[in-house]
Protein backbone atom coordinates (compact mmCIF):
# COMPACT_ATOMS: atom_id res chain seq x y z
CA MET A 1 -84.74 8.31 -8.09
CA LEU A 2 -85.49 5.73 -10.70
CA TRP A 3 -86.85 3.51 -8.00
CA GLN A 4 -89.33 6.23 -6.79
CA ASP A 5 -90.54 6.93 -10.38
CA CYS A 6 -91.23 3.32 -10.79
CA LYS A 7 -93.39 3.34 -7.57
CA GLY A 8 -95.35 6.40 -8.87
CA VAL A 9 -96.16 4.68 -12.08
CA GLU A 10 -97.32 1.66 -10.23
CA ALA A 11 -99.67 3.74 -7.96
CA GLY A 12 -101.10 5.71 -10.87
CA CYS A 13 -101.98 2.53 -12.73
CA GLY A 14 -104.32 1.11 -9.93
CA GLY A 15 -107.89 0.40 -11.11
CA LYS A 16 -106.90 0.31 -14.72
CA ARG A 17 -106.73 -3.31 -15.65
CA ARG A 18 -105.21 -2.83 -19.06
CA LEU A 19 -102.11 -1.19 -17.56
CA ARG A 20 -101.49 -3.89 -15.01
CA SER A 21 -99.49 -6.07 -17.26
CA THR A 22 -97.17 -3.07 -18.17
CA VAL A 23 -96.38 -2.24 -14.48
CA ILE A 24 -95.47 -5.77 -13.78
CA ALA A 25 -93.23 -5.81 -16.79
CA MET A 26 -91.46 -2.58 -15.56
CA ARG A 27 -91.00 -3.68 -12.03
CA LEU A 28 -88.50 -6.33 -12.96
CA PRO A 29 -86.06 -4.06 -14.91
CA CYS A 30 -86.00 -1.55 -12.06
CA SER A 31 -84.95 -4.14 -9.50
CA PHE A 32 -82.38 -5.48 -11.90
CA TRP A 33 -80.84 -2.01 -12.36
CA PHE A 34 -80.70 -1.40 -8.59
CA LEU A 35 -78.81 -4.76 -8.06
CA LEU A 36 -76.52 -4.03 -11.01
CA LEU A 37 -75.62 -0.60 -9.67
CA PHE A 38 -74.95 -2.00 -6.11
CA SER A 39 -72.81 -4.79 -7.42
CA THR A 40 -70.76 -2.50 -9.50
CA GLY A 41 -70.14 -0.04 -6.71
CA GLY A 42 -68.92 -3.03 -4.52
CA LEU A 43 -66.61 -4.25 -7.24
CA LEU A 44 -65.10 -0.82 -7.81
CA LEU A 45 -64.41 -0.42 -4.03
CA LEU A 46 -62.75 -3.82 -3.85
CA LEU A 47 -60.48 -3.05 -6.80
CA HIS A 48 -59.55 0.29 -5.25
CA LEU A 49 -58.59 -1.34 -1.95
CA GLN A 50 -56.46 -3.92 -3.84
CA ASP A 51 -54.68 -1.20 -5.74
CA LEU A 52 -53.76 0.50 -2.46
CA THR A 53 -52.03 -2.80 -1.21
CA GLU A 54 -49.90 -2.90 -4.37
CA THR A 55 -48.08 0.43 -4.25
CA ILE A 56 -44.64 1.52 -3.11
CA GLN A 57 -42.79 4.77 -2.72
CA GLN A 58 -39.94 5.14 -5.21
CA GLY A 59 -36.92 7.33 -5.56
CA PRO A 60 -36.43 9.39 -8.70
CA GLY A 61 -36.07 7.46 -11.95
CA ALA A 62 -37.25 4.14 -10.52
CA LYS A 63 -40.32 2.19 -11.76
CA LEU A 64 -42.59 -0.35 -10.22
CA ILE A 65 -43.31 -3.76 -11.70
CA PHE A 66 -46.48 -5.37 -10.46
CA PRO A 67 -47.16 -9.16 -10.53
CA HIS A 68 -49.32 -8.79 -13.59
CA GLY A 69 -46.59 -6.89 -15.51
CA GLN A 70 -48.17 -3.34 -15.49
CA LEU A 71 -45.64 -0.52 -15.23
CA VAL A 72 -46.74 2.40 -13.00
CA SER A 73 -44.71 5.54 -12.55
CA LYS A 74 -44.67 7.68 -9.41
CA ASP A 75 -46.68 10.36 -11.17
CA GLN A 76 -49.50 7.82 -11.83
CA CYS A 77 -49.59 6.76 -8.15
CA PRO A 78 -49.88 9.72 -5.98
CA HIS A 79 -51.09 7.81 -2.99
CA CYS A 80 -47.79 5.88 -2.92
CA ALA A 81 -46.35 8.31 -0.50
CA ASP A 82 -48.86 7.38 2.25
CA ALA A 83 -46.82 5.96 5.11
CA GLU A 84 -49.57 3.84 6.46
CA ILE A 85 -50.10 2.24 3.11
CA GLN A 86 -46.43 1.71 2.64
CA ALA A 87 -46.15 -0.03 5.97
CA SER A 88 -48.76 -2.57 4.95
CA ILE A 89 -46.83 -3.67 1.76
CA GLN A 90 -45.80 -7.27 1.51
CA PRO A 91 -42.26 -7.06 -0.06
CA ALA A 92 -42.40 -10.61 -1.21
CA LYS A 93 -44.99 -9.63 -3.77
CA LEU A 94 -42.91 -6.85 -5.33
CA PHE A 95 -40.12 -6.71 -7.88
CA LEU A 96 -37.99 -3.58 -7.91
CA GLN A 97 -36.52 -2.26 -11.09
CA ALA A 98 -34.14 0.59 -10.33
CA PRO A 99 -31.03 2.06 -11.90
CA ARG A 100 -27.94 -0.19 -11.49
CA SER A 101 -26.11 2.54 -9.56
CA SER A 102 -28.54 2.32 -6.73
CA LEU A 103 -27.25 -1.17 -5.83
CA LEU A 104 -24.06 0.33 -4.77
CA ASN A 105 -25.73 2.06 -1.79
CA PRO A 106 -28.73 0.03 -0.35
CA ARG A 107 -29.64 2.91 1.93
CA ASP A 108 -30.93 4.89 -1.05
CA ILE A 109 -33.62 2.30 -1.70
CA THR A 110 -36.70 3.37 0.26
CA ALA A 111 -38.75 0.17 -0.18
CA GLN A 112 -39.09 -1.95 2.96
CA VAL A 113 -37.25 -5.12 2.43
CA THR A 114 -36.68 -8.15 4.61
CA LYS A 115 -33.50 -9.02 6.39
CA ASN A 116 -32.59 -11.61 3.77
CA HIS A 117 -33.15 -9.10 1.05
CA ARG A 118 -30.71 -6.65 2.82
CA LYS A 119 -28.13 -9.37 2.93
CA LEU A 120 -28.55 -10.04 -0.69
CA LEU A 121 -28.11 -6.39 -1.64
CA LEU A 122 -25.07 -6.04 0.45
CA LYS A 123 -23.61 -9.20 -0.90
CA SER A 124 -24.16 -8.20 -4.56
CA SER A 125 -22.50 -4.76 -3.91
CA SER A 126 -19.48 -5.86 -1.71
CA PRO A 127 -17.16 -6.83 -4.61
CA LEU A 128 -17.45 -3.30 -5.95
CA LEU A 129 -17.31 -1.55 -2.61
CA GLN A 130 -14.46 -3.66 -1.07
CA LEU A 131 -12.26 -4.38 -4.07
CA SER A 132 -9.20 -2.52 -2.69
CA SER A 133 -9.58 -4.38 0.69
CA THR A 134 -9.15 -7.81 -0.85
CA PRO A 135 -5.73 -9.51 -0.81
CA ALA A 136 -5.50 -9.07 -4.62
CA GLY A 137 -6.53 -5.41 -4.36
CA ARG A 138 -4.02 -4.69 -1.60
CA ALA A 139 -1.24 -6.43 -3.61
CA LYS A 140 -2.02 -4.41 -6.73
CA ASN A 141 -1.98 -1.24 -4.73
CA SER A 142 1.31 -2.14 -3.08
CA ILE A 143 2.94 -2.78 -6.38
CA SER A 144 1.75 0.48 -7.84
CA ARG A 145 2.97 2.29 -4.77
CA LEU A 146 6.40 0.72 -4.73
CA THR A 147 6.80 1.34 -8.58
CA ARG A 148 5.99 5.05 -8.01
CA VAL A 149 8.60 5.22 -5.12
CA GLN A 150 11.27 3.71 -7.39
CA ARG A 151 10.47 6.13 -10.23
CA SER A 152 10.72 9.05 -7.81
CA ARG A 153 14.03 7.93 -6.21
CA ARG A 154 15.71 7.31 -9.61
CA LYS A 155 14.51 10.72 -10.76
CA LEU A 156 15.90 12.50 -7.80
CA MET A 157 19.19 10.64 -8.11
CA ARG A 158 19.65 11.72 -11.72
CA GLU A 159 18.64 15.35 -10.97
CA VAL A 160 21.18 15.63 -8.12
CA CYS A 161 23.88 14.08 -10.26
CA ALA A 162 23.16 16.49 -13.10
CA LYS A 163 23.25 19.50 -10.80
CA TYR A 164 26.41 18.63 -8.81
CA ARG A 165 28.49 16.65 -11.39
CA SER A 166 31.81 18.45 -11.88
CA SER A 167 33.14 18.77 -15.36
CA ASN A 168 36.44 17.27 -14.40
CA ILE A 169 34.97 14.00 -13.13
CA ALA A 170 35.85 11.09 -15.35
CA ARG A 171 32.91 9.80 -17.32
CA ALA A 172 34.30 6.35 -17.90
CA VAL A 173 33.46 3.55 -15.37
CA THR A 174 36.71 2.00 -14.00
CA ARG A 175 37.29 -1.23 -12.12
CA GLN A 176 37.49 0.82 -8.86
CA HIS A 177 33.99 2.16 -9.46
CA VAL A 178 32.58 -1.46 -9.62
CA SER A 179 34.79 -3.07 -6.95
CA ARG A 180 31.79 -3.09 -4.38
CA ILE A 181 29.33 -4.68 -6.77
CA TYR A 182 28.46 -8.34 -6.52
CA VAL A 183 27.31 -10.30 -9.55
CA GLU A 184 24.44 -12.94 -9.70
CA ASP A 185 24.39 -14.24 -13.27
CA THR A 186 21.40 -16.65 -12.99
CA HIS A 187 18.83 -13.89 -12.41
CA LYS A 188 21.05 -11.06 -13.99
CA LEU A 189 21.48 -9.09 -10.87
CA LEU A 190 24.14 -6.55 -9.79
CA TYR A 191 24.13 -5.64 -6.08
CA CYS A 192 26.31 -2.78 -4.71
CA GLU A 193 27.36 -3.55 -1.09
CA VAL A 194 26.65 -0.89 1.46
CA PRO A 195 27.84 -2.05 4.86
CA LYS A 196 25.35 -1.67 7.78
CA ALA A 197 22.43 -1.48 5.31
CA GLY A 198 21.45 -5.20 5.17
CA CYS A 199 24.47 -6.36 3.13
CA SER A 200 25.06 -9.52 5.02
CA ASN A 201 21.51 -10.76 4.27
CA TRP A 202 21.73 -9.57 0.83
CA LYS A 203 24.78 -11.69 0.29
CA ARG A 204 22.84 -14.72 1.64
CA VAL A 205 20.05 -14.05 -0.83
CA LEU A 206 22.67 -13.92 -3.59
CA MET A 207 24.06 -17.22 -2.66
CA VAL A 208 20.62 -18.82 -2.56
CA LEU A 209 19.84 -17.36 -6.08
CA GLN A 210 23.11 -18.97 -7.38
CA GLY A 211 22.09 -22.28 -5.91
CA GLN A 212 24.89 -22.46 -3.29
CA ALA A 213 22.31 -22.99 -0.41
CA ALA A 214 18.70 -24.00 -0.18
CA SER A 215 17.75 -21.24 2.17
CA THR A 216 19.21 -18.07 3.75
CA GLY A 217 18.85 -19.44 7.35
CA GLU A 218 21.46 -22.22 6.86
CA ILE A 219 24.29 -19.66 5.77
CA GLN A 220 26.46 -18.71 8.70
CA HIS A 221 28.28 -15.35 9.05
CA GLU A 222 31.64 -16.73 8.29
CA GLN A 223 30.35 -18.22 4.98
CA VAL A 224 28.98 -14.84 4.06
CA HIS A 225 32.01 -12.72 4.64
CA TYR A 226 35.00 -15.09 4.32
CA GLY A 227 33.83 -17.94 2.02
CA ASN A 228 34.42 -16.05 -1.16
CA HIS A 229 31.38 -17.54 -2.76
CA LEU A 230 30.34 -14.44 -4.72
CA LYS A 231 31.81 -12.80 -7.71
CA ARG A 232 32.60 -9.14 -7.92
CA LEU A 233 31.98 -7.08 -11.07
CA ASP A 234 35.67 -6.03 -11.25
CA SER A 235 36.74 -9.71 -11.66
CA PHE A 236 35.44 -9.64 -15.18
CA ASN A 237 37.17 -8.25 -18.22
CA HIS A 238 36.17 -4.85 -19.71
CA GLN A 239 33.62 -6.41 -22.11
CA GLY A 240 32.11 -8.57 -19.33
CA ILE A 241 31.77 -5.49 -17.15
CA ALA A 242 30.20 -3.38 -19.84
CA HIS A 243 27.72 -6.14 -20.88
CA ARG A 244 26.45 -6.61 -17.31
CA LEU A 245 26.14 -3.01 -16.56
CA GLU A 246 24.05 -2.59 -19.68
CA THR A 247 21.77 -5.60 -19.30
CA TYR A 248 21.56 -6.64 -15.70
CA THR A 249 19.28 -5.18 -12.92
CA LYS A 250 21.43 -2.80 -10.92
CA VAL A 251 20.49 -2.64 -7.17
CA LEU A 252 21.44 -0.31 -4.44
CA PHE A 253 20.22 -0.48 -0.82
CA LEU A 254 21.24 2.32 1.77
CA ARG A 255 20.40 3.71 5.11
CA GLU A 256 20.03 7.03 6.92
CA PRO A 257 23.57 8.21 7.08
CA PHE A 258 23.88 9.07 10.76
CA GLU A 259 22.12 5.94 11.75
CA ARG A 260 24.43 3.82 9.55
CA LEU A 261 27.43 5.62 11.12
CA VAL A 262 26.31 4.75 14.68
CA SER A 263 25.61 1.24 13.71
CA ALA A 264 29.11 0.84 12.34
CA PHE A 265 30.75 2.39 15.44
CA ARG A 266 28.73 0.11 17.81
CA ASP A 267 29.65 -2.98 15.76
CA LYS A 268 33.34 -2.29 15.28
CA PHE A 269 34.34 -0.49 18.48
CA GLU A 270 31.94 -1.51 21.24
CA SER A 271 32.27 -5.21 20.61
CA PRO A 272 35.34 -7.43 20.64
CA ASN A 273 36.95 -7.12 17.23
CA SER A 274 40.44 -8.54 16.33
CA TYR A 275 40.79 -6.29 13.39
CA TYR A 276 39.30 -2.86 14.04
CA HIS A 277 40.56 -2.47 17.55
CA PRO A 278 44.30 -2.78 16.68
CA VAL A 279 44.15 -1.31 13.15
CA PHE A 280 41.75 1.60 13.80
CA GLY A 281 41.47 1.85 17.61
CA LYS A 282 45.14 2.16 18.56
CA PRO A 283 45.89 5.08 16.16
CA ILE A 284 42.62 6.85 17.02
CA ILE A 285 43.29 6.64 20.79
CA SER A 286 46.89 7.64 20.33
CA ARG A 287 46.00 10.79 18.38
CA TYR A 288 42.80 12.09 20.02
CA ARG A 289 43.08 11.00 23.70
CA SER A 290 45.13 12.93 26.08
CA ASN A 291 46.87 10.90 28.80
CA ALA A 292 45.75 7.57 27.32
CA SER A 293 46.57 4.50 29.36
CA GLN A 294 49.08 1.98 28.26
CA THR A 295 46.34 -0.64 28.11
CA ALA A 296 44.31 1.46 25.65
CA LEU A 297 47.28 2.34 23.51
CA ARG A 298 48.32 -1.42 23.40
CA THR A 299 44.83 -2.94 22.68
CA GLY A 300 43.00 -0.08 20.90
CA GLU A 301 39.88 -0.84 22.95
CA GLY A 302 37.51 1.70 24.35
CA VAL A 303 37.36 4.20 21.50
CA THR A 304 34.61 6.82 22.30
CA PHE A 305 32.13 8.07 19.78
CA LYS A 306 33.59 11.53 19.97
CA GLU A 307 37.09 10.30 19.26
CA PHE A 308 35.67 8.37 16.28
CA ILE A 309 34.04 11.50 14.91
CA GLN A 310 37.26 13.45 15.37
CA TYR A 311 39.12 10.75 13.26
CA LEU A 312 36.26 10.76 10.62
CA LEU A 313 36.50 14.56 10.17
CA ASP A 314 40.29 14.87 10.19
CA VAL A 315 41.73 15.65 6.75
CA HIS A 316 44.91 14.10 8.04
CA ARG A 317 43.52 10.87 9.44
CA PRO A 318 46.08 8.66 11.23
CA VAL A 319 44.46 5.67 9.45
CA GLY A 320 42.61 5.48 6.14
CA MET A 321 38.91 5.37 5.38
CA ASP A 322 36.77 2.19 5.80
CA ILE A 323 33.78 1.01 3.72
CA HIS A 324 31.55 0.74 6.84
CA TRP A 325 31.49 4.58 7.19
CA GLU A 326 32.32 5.66 3.66
CA PRO A 327 29.59 7.61 1.94
CA VAL A 328 27.37 5.77 -0.46
CA VAL A 329 28.18 8.18 -3.30
CA GLN A 330 31.76 7.07 -3.00
CA LEU A 331 31.08 3.34 -2.52
CA CYS A 332 28.57 2.79 -5.34
CA SER A 333 29.25 5.79 -7.73
CA PRO A 334 25.50 6.39 -8.48
CA CYS A 335 26.35 9.33 -10.81
CA LEU A 336 28.26 7.02 -13.05
CA ILE A 337 26.25 3.81 -12.64
CA ASP A 338 22.49 4.27 -13.41
CA TYR A 339 20.91 2.00 -10.77
CA ASP A 340 17.59 0.41 -11.63
CA PHE A 341 16.50 -0.07 -8.07
CA ILE A 342 17.21 2.08 -5.06
CA GLY A 343 16.10 0.41 -1.82
CA LYS A 344 16.33 1.78 1.80
CA PHE A 345 17.13 -0.08 5.03
CA GLU A 346 14.11 1.51 6.81
CA THR A 347 11.71 -0.50 4.61
CA ILE A 348 14.13 -3.29 3.34
CA GLU A 349 11.99 -6.32 3.71
CA GLU A 350 9.03 -5.04 1.70
CA GLU A 351 11.24 -3.48 -0.96
CA ALA A 352 13.65 -6.44 -1.19
CA ASN A 353 10.84 -8.89 -1.55
CA PHE A 354 9.20 -6.69 -4.19
CA LEU A 355 12.54 -6.74 -6.19
CA LEU A 356 12.96 -10.55 -5.81
CA ARG A 357 9.52 -11.08 -7.35
CA ARG A 358 10.40 -8.70 -10.18
CA ILE A 359 13.54 -10.69 -11.08
CA GLY A 360 11.79 -13.98 -10.98
CA ALA A 361 13.37 -15.36 -7.78
CA PRO A 362 11.86 -18.59 -6.36
CA ALA A 363 8.47 -17.97 -4.65
CA ASN A 364 9.77 -19.39 -1.31
CA LEU A 365 12.79 -17.09 -1.15
CA THR A 366 12.15 -13.96 1.01
CA PHE A 367 14.49 -11.51 2.43
CA PRO A 368 15.74 -12.62 5.90
CA SER A 369 15.17 -10.40 9.00
CA PHE A 370 17.61 -11.81 11.52
CA LYS A 371 20.38 -9.79 12.92
CA ASP A 372 23.69 -11.09 11.77
CA ARG A 373 26.10 -9.93 14.50
CA ASN A 374 25.47 -9.31 18.23
CA PRO A 375 21.89 -10.59 18.00
CA ASN A 376 21.12 -9.83 21.68
CA ALA A 377 22.10 -6.13 21.17
CA ALA A 378 19.30 -3.69 20.27
CA ARG A 379 19.25 -2.72 16.66
CA THR A 380 20.45 0.78 16.07
CA SER A 381 17.48 3.02 15.77
CA SER A 382 16.88 6.79 15.26
CA ARG A 383 16.53 7.14 19.07
CA ILE A 384 19.86 5.46 19.77
CA THR A 385 21.47 7.51 17.10
CA GLN A 386 20.13 10.76 18.76
CA GLU A 387 21.77 9.63 22.06
CA TYR A 388 25.21 9.17 20.42
CA PHE A 389 25.13 12.55 18.70
CA ALA A 390 23.93 14.28 21.80
CA GLY A 391 27.54 14.05 23.12
CA LEU A 392 28.88 16.09 20.28
CA ASN A 393 28.80 19.85 19.98
CA LEU A 394 26.99 21.74 17.16
CA THR A 395 30.14 22.16 15.08
CA GLU A 396 30.92 18.43 15.12
CA ARG A 397 27.39 17.57 14.23
CA GLN A 398 27.30 20.05 11.39
CA ARG A 399 30.65 18.86 9.95
CA THR A 400 29.47 15.28 10.16
CA TYR A 401 26.27 16.22 8.27
CA ASP A 402 28.52 18.00 5.63
CA PHE A 403 30.51 14.80 5.34
CA PHE A 404 27.34 12.79 4.30
CA PHE A 405 25.64 15.76 2.65
CA MET A 406 25.38 14.22 -0.75
CA ASP A 407 23.89 10.96 0.70
CA TYR A 408 21.25 13.05 2.43
CA LEU A 409 20.48 15.04 -0.56
CA MET A 410 20.62 12.34 -3.31
CA PHE A 411 18.47 9.82 -1.40
CA ASN A 412 16.02 12.34 0.17
CA TYR A 413 16.79 11.92 3.90
CA SER A 414 15.79 14.69 6.13
CA LYS A 415 18.24 16.57 8.36
CA PRO A 416 18.70 14.58 11.57
CA PHE A 417 18.89 17.80 13.70
CA GLU A 418 16.91 21.00 13.45
CA ASP A 419 19.91 23.20 14.20
CA LEU A 420 21.79 22.00 11.15
CA TYR A 421 21.90 24.07 7.99
């Protein structure tokens, strides 16, 4: 419009010489303004297009930092949600400032990033996301779990003792009560021997702790059981017994009662044995087998599991009790001796090694896993135990369960058969 007005002035001024100089003077400012407006419009369009290439869609709470340092919030940038514009962004030119928590889940970041940027984000968050999967994290979790297990077992043992302790039971600890406890003075350890619950390997460990051997693997069976290398607690005087019971770590390892019983039977009666066959086998066969052969009566070999159970449950046994099938509550007197550590054969390696680290044993000493006697025979399992007890009637199974009832109750083992009460 300004340009048209200027042309009208120029036409109206023709023929009048005195106005010619004024028209010429006005023509230059009009051209100048036209060029100025055209240049300004082009510059604004260029700046707008540049702004469009420097935007990014953000999640709640995040801010954008542009190369020149200007902060722009999402409310100030409504066109940031345009998908086509977002696709044209060059991530290398952007710096993202987001809450620290967003780094824990890279999927929440909606900005397009390169493959290297994704690797960087995942790498920076992995120590927080995968802490429990590292060796140190797993070890810490294992220690916490085993500590809770020990606390629970000791609590149950004390509760059962408090509930079932008879008022006429002697409160004083006698030499008989500690006769099955072995002493290791170097690391201040007291171990109650429970046969068929890893006791042979535990004796090997005690011998290594005392410095009698460099490793458990070099100690033979005869050295373990007949070498007389370990001290028993009842060998000390009254003051020595009381001091060790008060200050040493008292340890007890046991096994599912029926499984321990079957293991003892297989070891003592199904394998050649110069002691158990004549001492236990002969009177058992003589009393519970009708029409026994002269060979069986002479050697005591071939005792059946049913005959063995008859002997066990007989109140008038023809031969006395043996530590291999005596209940743990009788062997180790847990209601008189407050054990600090209660381990189970079913998880013996993990729990024994946990205990060894707690008492400061050498780092290279771990609990051995080899089978001491009859290494070629299958280790007694719950399946094998079920097979042996399947040959008994319900009454015999129930009475055997009653015989070991306190072991089942005090150490939280489930009933081995559903028909037991």
